[in-house]
């Protein structure tokens, strides 16, 4: 009997949008998955030998790239930040839309860019790449949350973070000044698993077909 297929999903916003699509693809977590009191991180799936693991978004990419999970769902921001060679993102799921943007205090917007900037972000690679393209050296202070506080407390002059409506930026006296990347959720797979386990390829085709159906309906 083959080992269970491990499917990694992120906690939070993307997961809420992904669950209905996953169900249509036959990936249905057991009841414990929806129990808010449960501290479990690994869950069985109904009617299959699949196992679902729920981890932080950045960790989804790591689990899949290293083959600990064979399939996962994560934002394209994570795929681009890590650029793992063993990771393949064959399907844009057309959910979880947002953008990765540069923001700074409202009163400083429009100022000439200096040759060196200190920027707070949890995306050091994408941040450096963006500013290198502008001929600017970016010193990235890595934060995992509360990014909006960094300029206010003098930790950085700008931030690079995910933006959806822009409301959080506005409430913290910041304004979006550049868009680095438009983001949507992707189905990701481990390249070796795709070649050696036909179940992975079958899942990719099921998700691909569901996205195509959605596009036709639209």
Foldseek 3Di string as FASTA:
>chain_A
DDQAAEEEEEPDDQCVVCQVLCVLLVFAWDPLVVVPPDPDQWTQGPPGSHIYGYYHQLVNVVCQQVVVHFKYKHKVLSCVLVVRPQKDFLDFLPAPKWFKFKKFAPVCPPDDDDQEFEEEEQRVRLVQVVVVVVNHGYHYDYDDDPRLCCCVVVNTGMYIDIGHPCVVQVVSRMDTRGTRGIMGMTMMGGNVCVVPPVVSVSSSVSSRVVSVVVVVVD
